[in-house]
Amino acid sequence: ISGNELAGRAYTQAQKFGAQMLLT
């Protein structure tokens, strides 16, 4: 799997459980 796709899936999963992300 591409690293970008793996990260994208993990980020979606984290959002699903309520984690927030901030780019700064």
mmCIF file of all heavy atoms, coordinates in Angstrom:
data_MODEL
# 
_entry.id   MODEL 
# 
loop_
_atom_site.group_PDB 
_atom_site.id 
_atom_site.type_symbol 
_atom_site.label_atom_id 
_atom_site.label_alt_id 
_atom_site.label_comp_id 
_atom_site.label_asym_id 
_atom_site.label_entity_id 
_atom_site.label_seq_id 
_atom_site.pdbx_PDB_ins_code 
_atom_site.Cartn_x 
_atom_site.Cartn_y 
_atom_site.Cartn_z 
_atom_site.occupancy 
_atom_site.B_iso_or_equiv 
_atom_site.pdbx_formal_charge 
_atom_site.auth_seq_id 
_atom_site.auth_comp_id 
_atom_site.auth_asym_id 
_atom_site.auth_atom_id 
_atom_site.pdbx_PDB_model_num 
ATOM 1   N N   . ILE A 1 1  ? 0.863   -1.176 0.000  1.00 0.00 ? 1  ILE A N   1 
ATOM 2   C CA  . ILE A 1 1  ? 0.000   0.000  0.000  1.00 0.00 ? 1  ILE A CA  1 
ATOM 3   C C   . ILE A 1 1  ? 0.903   1.230  0.000  1.00 0.00 ? 1  ILE A C   1 
ATOM 4   O O   . ILE A 1 1  ? 2.006   1.203  0.551  1.00 0.00 ? 1  ILE A O   1 
ATOM 5   C CB  . ILE A 1 1  ? -0.920  0.003  1.248  1.00 0.00 ? 1  ILE A CB  1 
ATOM 6   C CG1 . ILE A 1 1  ? -1.942  1.137  1.179  1.00 0.00 ? 1  ILE A CG1 1 
ATOM 7   C CG2 . ILE A 1 1  ? -0.101  0.087  2.533  1.00 0.00 ? 1  ILE A CG2 1 
ATOM 8   C CD1 . ILE A 1 1  ? -2.987  1.081  2.290  1.00 0.00 ? 1  ILE A CD1 1 
ATOM 9   N N   . SER A 1 2  ? 0.478   2.285  -0.657 1.00 0.00 ? 2  SER A N   1 
ATOM 10  C CA  . SER A 1 2  ? 1.292   3.500  -0.644 1.00 0.00 ? 2  SER A CA  1 
ATOM 11  C C   . SER A 1 2  ? 1.257   4.106  0.752  1.00 0.00 ? 2  SER A C   1 
ATOM 12  O O   . SER A 1 2  ? 0.260   3.995  1.476  1.00 0.00 ? 2  SER A O   1 
ATOM 13  C CB  . SER A 1 2  ? 0.776   4.512  -1.673 1.00 0.00 ? 2  SER A CB  1 
ATOM 14  O OG  . SER A 1 2  ? -0.425  5.111  -1.224 1.00 0.00 ? 2  SER A OG  1 
ATOM 15  N N   . GLY A 1 3  ? 2.350   4.731  1.137  1.00 0.00 ? 3  GLY A N   1 
ATOM 16  C CA  . GLY A 1 3  ? 2.402   5.359  2.449  1.00 0.00 ? 3  GLY A CA  1 
ATOM 17  C C   . GLY A 1 3  ? 1.338   6.425  2.607  1.00 0.00 ? 3  GLY A C   1 
ATOM 18  O O   . GLY A 1 3  ? 0.753   6.591  3.684  1.00 0.00 ? 3  GLY A O   1 
ATOM 19  N N   . ASN A 1 4  ? 1.054   7.141  1.524  1.00 0.00 ? 4  ASN A N   1 
ATOM 20  C CA  . ASN A 1 4  ? 0.051   8.200  1.571  1.00 0.00 ? 4  ASN A CA  1 
ATOM 21  C C   . ASN A 1 4  ? -1.350  7.628  1.823  1.00 0.00 ? 4  ASN A C   1 
ATOM 22  O O   . ASN A 1 4  ? -2.134  8.182  2.611  1.00 0.00 ? 4  ASN A O   1 
ATOM 23  C CB  . ASN A 1 4  ? 0.068   8.984  0.260  1.00 0.00 ? 4  ASN A CB  1 
ATOM 24  C CG  . ASN A 1 4  ? -0.805  10.214 0.313  1.00 0.00 ? 4  ASN A CG  1 
ATOM 25  O OD1 . ASN A 1 4  ? -0.677  11.039 1.210  1.00 0.00 ? 4  ASN A OD1 1 
ATOM 26  N ND2 . ASN A 1 4  ? -1.709  10.335 -0.637 1.00 0.00 ? 4  ASN A ND2 1 
ATOM 27  N N   . GLU A 1 5  ? -1.664  6.508  1.180  1.00 0.00 ? 5  GLU A N   1 
ATOM 28  C CA  . GLU A 1 5  ? -2.974  5.895  1.378  1.00 0.00 ? 5  GLU A CA  1 
ATOM 29  C C   . GLU A 1 5  ? -3.110  5.329  2.789  1.00 0.00 ? 5  GLU A C   1 
ATOM 30  O O   . GLU A 1 5  ? -4.166  5.451  3.420  1.00 0.00 ? 5  GLU A O   1 
ATOM 31  C CB  . GLU A 1 5  ? -3.201  4.781  0.349  1.00 0.00 ? 5  GLU A CB  1 
ATOM 32  C CG  . GLU A 1 5  ? -4.593  4.166  0.433  1.00 0.00 ? 5  GLU A CG  1 
ATOM 33  C CD  . GLU A 1 5  ? -4.832  3.060  -0.577 1.00 0.00 ? 5  GLU A CD  1 
ATOM 34  O OE1 . GLU A 1 5  ? -3.914  2.781  -1.386 1.00 0.00 ? 5  GLU A OE1 1 
ATOM 35  O OE2 . GLU A 1 5  ? -5.921  2.463  -0.549 1.00 0.00 ? 5  GLU A OE2 1 
ATOM 36  N N   . LEU A 1 6  ? -2.055  4.703  3.276  1.00 0.00 ? 6  LEU A N   1 
ATOM 37  C CA  . LEU A 1 6  ? -2.086  4.154  4.634  1.00 0.00 ? 6  LEU A CA  1 
ATOM 38  C C   . LEU A 1 6  ? -2.319  5.270  5.651  1.00 0.00 ? 6  LEU A C   1 
ATOM 39  O O   . LEU A 1 6  ? -3.141  5.136  6.565  1.00 0.00 ? 6  LEU A O   1 
ATOM 40  C CB  . LEU A 1 6  ? -0.769  3.435  4.934  1.00 0.00 ? 6  LEU A CB  1 
ATOM 41  C CG  . LEU A 1 6  ? -0.673  2.740  6.295  1.00 0.00 ? 6  LEU A CG  1 
ATOM 42  C CD1 . LEU A 1 6  ? -1.695  1.622  6.410  1.00 0.00 ? 6  LEU A CD1 1 
ATOM 43  C CD2 . LEU A 1 6  ? 0.741   2.196  6.521  1.00 0.00 ? 6  LEU A CD2 1 
ATOM 44  N N   . ALA A 1 7  ? -1.627  6.395  5.470  1.00 0.00 ? 7  ALA A N   1 
ATOM 45  C CA  . ALA A 1 7  ? -1.798  7.526  6.381  1.00 0.00 ? 7  ALA A CA  1 
ATOM 46  C C   . ALA A 1 7  ? -3.203  8.111  6.268  1.00 0.00 ? 7  ALA A C   1 
ATOM 47  O O   . ALA A 1 7  ? -3.817  8.479  7.277  1.00 0.00 ? 7  ALA A O   1 
ATOM 48  C CB  . ALA A 1 7  ? -0.754  8.599  6.079  1.00 0.00 ? 7  ALA A CB  1 
ATOM 49  N N   . GLY A 1 8  ? -3.711  8.197  5.041  1.00 0.00 ? 8  GLY A N   1 
ATOM 50  C CA  . GLY A 1 8  ? -5.054  8.740  4.844  1.00 0.00 ? 8  GLY A CA  1 
ATOM 51  C C   . GLY A 1 8  ? -6.114  7.905  5.538  1.00 0.00 ? 8  GLY A C   1 
ATOM 52  O O   . GLY A 1 8  ? -7.043  8.441  6.161  1.00 0.00 ? 8  GLY A O   1 
ATOM 53  N N   . ARG A 1 9  ? -5.978  6.603  5.449  1.00 0.00 ? 9  ARG A N   1 
ATOM 54  C CA  . ARG A 1 9  ? -6.936  5.708  6.113  1.00 0.00 ? 9  ARG A CA  1 
ATOM 55  C C   . ARG A 1 9  ? -6.857  5.865  7.634  1.00 0.00 ? 9  ARG A C   1 
ATOM 56  O O   . ARG A 1 9  ? -7.878  5.893  8.325  1.00 0.00 ? 9  ARG A O   1 
ATOM 57  C CB  . ARG A 1 9  ? -6.640  4.252  5.737  1.00 0.00 ? 9  ARG A CB  1 
ATOM 58  C CG  . ARG A 1 9  ? -6.957  3.901  4.287  1.00 0.00 ? 9  ARG A CG  1 
ATOM 59  C CD  . ARG A 1 9  ? -6.698  2.423  4.053  1.00 0.00 ? 9  ARG A CD  1 
ATOM 60  N NE  . ARG A 1 9  ? -6.962  2.026  2.673  1.00 0.00 ? 9  ARG A NE  1 
ATOM 61  C CZ  . ARG A 1 9  ? -6.909  0.787  2.238  1.00 0.00 ? 9  ARG A CZ  1 
ATOM 62  N NH1 . ARG A 1 9  ? -6.581  -0.205 3.085  1.00 0.00 ? 9  ARG A NH1 1 
ATOM 63  N NH2 . ARG A 1 9  ? -7.161  0.491  0.981  1.00 0.00 ? 9  ARG A NH2 1 
ATOM 64  N N   . ALA A 1 10 ? -5.633  5.954  8.139  1.00 0.00 ? 10 ALA A N   1 
ATOM 65  C CA  . ALA A 1 10 ? -5.458  6.092  9.586  1.00 0.00 ? 10 ALA A CA  1 
ATOM 66  C C   . ALA A 1 10 ? -6.031  7.420  10.081 1.00 0.00 ? 10 ALA A C   1 
ATOM 67  O O   . ALA A 1 10 ? -6.656  7.484  11.154 1.00 0.00 ? 10 ALA A O   1 
ATOM 68  C CB  . ALA A 1 10 ? -3.982  5.987  9.948  1.00 0.00 ? 10 ALA A CB  1 
ATOM 69  N N   . TYR A 1 11 ? -5.838  8.477  9.307  1.00 0.00 ? 11 TYR A N   1 
ATOM 70  C CA  . TYR A 1 11 ? -6.365  9.783  9.694  1.00 0.00 ? 11 TYR A CA  1 
ATOM 71  C C   . TYR A 1 11 ? -7.892  9.771  9.723  1.00 0.00 ? 11 TYR A C   1 
ATOM 72  O O   . TYR A 1 11 ? -8.524  10.287 10.655 1.00 0.00 ? 11 TYR A O   1 
ATOM 73  C CB  . TYR A 1 11 ? -5.852  10.853 8.727  1.00 0.00 ? 11 TYR A CB  1 
ATOM 74  C CG  . TYR A 1 11 ? -6.420  12.221 8.983  1.00 0.00 ? 11 TYR A CG  1 
ATOM 75  C CD1 . TYR A 1 11 ? -6.426  12.768 10.265 1.00 0.00 ? 11 TYR A CD1 1 
ATOM 76  C CD2 . TYR A 1 11 ? -6.939  12.984 7.942  1.00 0.00 ? 11 TYR A CD2 1 
ATOM 77  C CE1 . TYR A 1 11 ? -6.941  14.035 10.500 1.00 0.00 ? 11 TYR A CE1 1 
ATOM 78  C CE2 . TYR A 1 11 ? -7.454  14.245 8.171  1.00 0.00 ? 11 TYR A CE2 1 
ATOM 79  C CZ  . TYR A 1 11 ? -7.456  14.758 9.453  1.00 0.00 ? 11 TYR A CZ  1 
ATOM 80  O OH  . TYR A 1 11 ? -7.975  16.010 9.685  1.00 0.00 ? 11 TYR A OH  1 
ATOM 81  N N   . THR A 1 12 ? -8.498  9.155  8.717  1.00 0.00 ? 12 THR A N   1 
ATOM 82  C CA  . THR A 1 12 ? -9.958  9.025  8.687  1.00 0.00 ? 12 THR A CA  1 
ATOM 83  C C   . THR A 1 12 ? -10.456 8.244  9.897  1.00 0.00 ? 12 THR A C   1 
ATOM 84  O O   . THR A 1 12 ? -11.478 8.578  10.507 1.00 0.00 ? 12 THR A O   1 
ATOM 85  C CB  . THR A 1 12 ? -10.397 8.318  7.388  1.00 0.00 ? 12 THR A CB  1 
ATOM 86  O OG1 . THR A 1 12 ? -9.967  9.098  6.264  1.00 0.00 ? 12 THR A OG1 1 
ATOM 87  C CG2 . THR A 1 12 ? -11.906 8.143  7.343  1.00 0.00 ? 12 THR A CG2 1 
ATOM 88  N N   . GLN A 1 13 ? -9.712  7.210  10.251 1.00 0.00 ? 13 GLN A N   1 
ATOM 89  C CA  . GLN A 1 13 ? -10.085 6.382  11.401 1.00 0.00 ? 13 GLN A CA  1 
ATOM 90  C C   . GLN A 1 13 ? -9.990  7.183  12.699 1.00 0.00 ? 13 GLN A C   1 
ATOM 91  O O   . GLN A 1 13 ? -10.860 7.085  13.572 1.00 0.00 ? 13 GLN A O   1 
ATOM 92  C CB  . GLN A 1 13 ? -9.165  5.164  11.453 1.00 0.00 ? 13 GLN A CB  1 
ATOM 93  C CG  . GLN A 1 13 ? -9.640  4.031  12.339 1.00 0.00 ? 13 GLN A CG  1 
ATOM 94  C CD  . GLN A 1 13 ? -8.768  2.802  12.176 1.00 0.00 ? 13 GLN A CD  1 
ATOM 95  O OE1 . GLN A 1 13 ? -7.660  2.873  11.646 1.00 0.00 ? 13 GLN A OE1 1 
ATOM 96  N NE2 . GLN A 1 13 ? -9.259  1.665  12.625 1.00 0.00 ? 13 GLN A NE2 1 
ATOM 97  N N   . ALA A 1 14 ? -8.945  7.997  12.825 1.00 0.00 ? 14 ALA A N   1 
ATOM 98  C CA  . ALA A 1 14 ? -8.792  8.825  14.021 1.00 0.00 ? 14 ALA A CA  1 
ATOM 99  C C   . ALA A 1 14 ? -9.934  9.837  14.129 1.00 0.00 ? 14 ALA A C   1 
ATOM 100 O O   . ALA A 1 14 ? -10.490 10.068 15.218 1.00 0.00 ? 14 ALA A O   1 
ATOM 101 C CB  . ALA A 1 14 ? -7.448  9.539  13.994 1.00 0.00 ? 14 ALA A CB  1 
ATOM 102 N N   . GLN A 1 15 ? -10.311 10.444 12.996 1.00 0.00 ? 15 GLN A N   1 
ATOM 103 C CA  . GLN A 1 15 ? -11.432 11.386 12.988 1.00 0.00 ? 15 GLN A CA  1 
ATOM 104 C C   . GLN A 1 15 ? -12.735 10.698 13.379 1.00 0.00 ? 15 GLN A C   1 
ATOM 105 O O   . GLN A 1 15 ? -13.563 11.271 14.097 1.00 0.00 ? 15 GLN A O   1 
ATOM 106 C CB  . GLN A 1 15 ? -11.578 12.000 11.595 1.00 0.00 ? 15 GLN A CB  1 
ATOM 107 C CG  . GLN A 1 15 ? -10.542 13.050 11.255 1.00 0.00 ? 15 GLN A CG  1 
ATOM 108 C CD  . GLN A 1 15 ? -10.838 13.684 9.920  1.00 0.00 ? 15 GLN A CD  1 
ATOM 109 O OE1 . GLN A 1 15 ? -11.010 12.998 8.912  1.00 0.00 ? 15 GLN A OE1 1 
ATOM 110 N NE2 . GLN A 1 15 ? -10.907 15.009 9.892  1.00 0.00 ? 15 GLN A NE2 1 
ATOM 111 N N   . LYS A 1 16 ? -12.906 9.485  12.921 1.00 0.00 ? 16 LYS A N   1 
ATOM 112 C CA  . LYS A 1 16 ? -14.114 8.715  13.226 1.00 0.00 ? 16 LYS A CA  1 
ATOM 113 C C   . LYS A 1 16 ? -14.323 8.599  14.733 1.00 0.00 ? 16 LYS A C   1 
ATOM 114 O O   . LYS A 1 16 ? -15.456 8.648  15.227 1.00 0.00 ? 16 LYS A O   1 
ATOM 115 C CB  . LYS A 1 16 ? -13.992 7.328  12.596 1.00 0.00 ? 16 LYS A CB  1 
ATOM 116 C CG  . LYS A 1 16 ? -15.008 6.303  13.089 1.00 0.00 ? 16 LYS A CG  1 
ATOM 117 C CD  . LYS A 1 16 ? -14.673 4.911  12.556 1.00 0.00 ? 16 LYS A CD  1 
ATOM 118 C CE  . LYS A 1 16 ? -15.502 3.845  13.240 1.00 0.00 ? 16 LYS A CE  1 
ATOM 119 N NZ  . LYS A 1 16 ? -15.129 2.486  12.797 1.00 0.00 ? 16 LYS A NZ  1 
ATOM 120 N N   . PHE A 1 17 ? -13.229 8.466  15.476 1.00 0.00 ? 17 PHE A N   1 
ATOM 121 C CA  . PHE A 1 17 ? -13.326 8.301  16.927 1.00 0.00 ? 17 PHE A CA  1 
ATOM 122 C C   . PHE A 1 17 ? -13.276 9.633  17.675 1.00 0.00 ? 17 PHE A C   1 
ATOM 123 O O   . PHE A 1 17 ? -13.254 9.655  18.906 1.00 0.00 ? 17 PHE A O   1 
ATOM 124 C CB  . PHE A 1 17 ? -12.213 7.384  17.433 1.00 0.00 ? 17 PHE A CB  1 
ATOM 125 C CG  . PHE A 1 17 ? -12.389 5.940  17.034 1.00 0.00 ? 17 PHE A CG  1 
ATOM 126 C CD1 . PHE A 1 17 ? -11.458 5.311  16.231 1.00 0.00 ? 17 PHE A CD1 1 
ATOM 127 C CD2 . PHE A 1 17 ? -13.499 5.220  17.463 1.00 0.00 ? 17 PHE A CD2 1 
ATOM 128 C CE1 . PHE A 1 17 ? -11.615 3.978  15.862 1.00 0.00 ? 17 PHE A CE1 1 
ATOM 129 C CE2 . PHE A 1 17 ? -13.662 3.888  17.100 1.00 0.00 ? 17 PHE A CE2 1 
ATOM 130 C CZ  . PHE A 1 17 ? -12.719 3.269  16.296 1.00 0.00 ? 17 PHE A CZ  1 
ATOM 131 N N   . GLY A 1 18 ? -13.231 10.736 16.939 1.00 0.00 ? 18 GLY A N   1 
ATOM 132 C CA  . GLY A 1 18 ? -13.340 12.037 17.579 1.00 0.00 ? 18 GLY A CA  1 
ATOM 133 C C   . GLY A 1 18 ? -12.053 12.809 17.759 1.00 0.00 ? 18 GLY A C   1 
ATOM 134 O O   . GLY A 1 18 ? -12.073 13.912 18.325 1.00 0.00 ? 18 GLY A O   1 
ATOM 135 N N   . ALA A 1 19 ? -10.919 12.273 17.314 1.00 0.00 ? 19 ALA A N   1 
ATOM 136 C CA  . ALA A 1 19 ? -9.666  13.020 17.411 1.00 0.00 ? 19 ALA A CA  1 
ATOM 137 C C   . ALA A 1 19 ? -9.704  14.197 16.446 1.00 0.00 ? 19 ALA A C   1 
ATOM 138 O O   . ALA A 1 19 ? -10.235 14.093 15.344 1.00 0.00 ? 19 ALA A O   1 
ATOM 139 C CB  . ALA A 1 19 ? -8.478  12.116 17.103 1.00 0.00 ? 19 ALA A CB  1 
ATOM 140 N N   . GLN A 1 20 ? -9.133  15.303 16.857 1.00 0.00 ? 20 GLN A N   1 
ATOM 141 C CA  . GLN A 1 20 ? -9.042  16.473 15.994 1.00 0.00 ? 20 GLN A CA  1 
ATOM 142 C C   . GLN A 1 20 ? -7.598  16.671 15.574 1.00 0.00 ? 20 GLN A C   1 
ATOM 143 O O   . GLN A 1 20 ? -6.670  16.369 16.336 1.00 0.00 ? 20 GLN A O   1 
ATOM 144 C CB  . GLN A 1 20 ? -9.524  17.722 16.731 1.00 0.00 ? 20 GLN A CB  1 
ATOM 145 C CG  . GLN A 1 20 ? -11.011 17.710 17.060 1.00 0.00 ? 20 GLN A CG  1 
ATOM 146 C CD  . GLN A 1 20 ? -11.416 18.967 17.805 1.00 0.00 ? 20 GLN A CD  1 
ATOM 147 O OE1 . GLN A 1 20 ? -10.900 19.255 18.879 1.00 0.00 ? 20 GLN A OE1 1 
ATOM 148 N NE2 . GLN A 1 20 ? -12.337 19.721 17.235 1.00 0.00 ? 20 GLN A NE2 1 
ATOM 149 N N   . MET A 1 21 ? -7.394  17.204 14.349 1.00 0.00 ? 21 MET A N   1 
ATOM 150 C CA  . MET A 1 21 ? -6.039  17.484 13.897 1.00 0.00 ? 21 MET A CA  1 
ATOM 151 C C   . MET A 1 21 ? -5.943  18.941 13.478 1.00 0.00 ? 21 MET A C   1 
ATOM 152 O O   . MET A 1 21 ? -6.867  19.486 12.881 1.00 0.00 ? 21 MET A O   1 
ATOM 153 C CB  . MET A 1 21 ? -5.617  16.590 12.731 1.00 0.00 ? 21 MET A CB  1 
ATOM 154 C CG  . MET A 1 21 ? -4.128  16.771 12.393 1.00 0.00 ? 21 MET A CG  1 
ATOM 155 S SD  . MET A 1 21 ? -3.464  15.609 11.193 1.00 0.00 ? 21 MET A SD  1 
ATOM 156 C CE  . MET A 1 21 ? -3.892  16.437 9.677  1.00 0.00 ? 21 MET A CE  1 
ATOM 157 N N   . LEU A 1 22 ? -4.807  19.552 13.810 1.00 0.00 ? 22 LEU A N   1 
ATOM 158 C CA  . LEU A 1 22 ? -4.557  20.935 13.454 1.00 0.00 ? 22 LEU A CA  1 
ATOM 159 C C   . LEU A 1 22 ? -3.217  21.015 12.751 1.00 0.00 ? 22 LEU A C   1 
ATOM 160 O O   . LEU A 1 22 ? -2.206  20.544 13.271 1.00 0.00 ? 22 LEU A O   1 
ATOM 161 C CB  . LEU A 1 22 ? -4.547  21.808 14.713 1.00 0.00 ? 22 LEU A CB  1 
ATOM 162 C CG  . LEU A 1 22 ? -4.294  23.307 14.524 1.00 0.00 ? 22 LEU A CG  1 
ATOM 163 C CD1 . LEU A 1 22 ? -5.418  23.932 13.711 1.00 0.00 ? 22 LEU A CD1 1 
ATOM 164 C CD2 . LEU A 1 22 ? -4.172  23.993 15.873 1.00 0.00 ? 22 LEU A CD2 1 
ATOM 165 N N   . LEU A 1 23 ? -3.204  21.595 11.540 1.00 0.00 ? 23 LEU A N   1 
ATOM 166 C CA  . LEU A 1 23 ? -1.959  21.824 10.815 1.00 0.00 ? 23 LEU A CA  1 
ATOM 167 C C   . LEU A 1 23 ? -1.451  23.206 11.172 1.00 0.00 ? 23 LEU A C   1 
ATOM 168 O O   . LEU A 1 23 ? -2.156  24.199 10.973 1.00 0.00 ? 23 LEU A O   1 
ATOM 169 C CB  . LEU A 1 23 ? -2.196  21.723 9.304  1.00 0.00 ? 23 LEU A CB  1 
ATOM 170 C CG  . LEU A 1 23 ? -2.493  20.332 8.747  1.00 0.00 ? 23 LEU A CG  1 
ATOM 171 C CD1 . LEU A 1 23 ? -2.823  20.412 7.268  1.00 0.00 ? 23 LEU A CD1 1 
ATOM 172 C CD2 . LEU A 1 23 ? -1.315  19.403 8.970  1.00 0.00 ? 23 LEU A CD2 1 
ATOM 173 N N   . THR A 1 24 ? -0.242  23.272 11.692 1.00 0.00 ? 24 THR A N   1 
ATOM 174 C CA  . THR A 1 24 ? 0.319   24.548 12.097 1.00 0.00 ? 24 THR A CA  1 
ATOM 175 C C   . THR A 1 24 ? 1.830   24.429 12.171 1.00 0.00 ? 24 THR A C   1 
ATOM 176 O O   . THR A 1 24 ? 2.372   23.327 12.102 1.00 0.00 ? 24 THR A O   1 
ATOM 177 C CB  . THR A 1 24 ? -0.260  24.993 13.452 1.00 0.00 ? 24 THR A CB  1 
ATOM 178 O OG1 . THR A 1 24 ? 0.260   26.287 13.775 1.00 0.00 ? 24 THR A OG1 1 
ATOM 179 C CG2 . THR A 1 24 ? 0.096   24.020 14.551 1.00 0.00 ? 24 THR A CG2 1 
# 
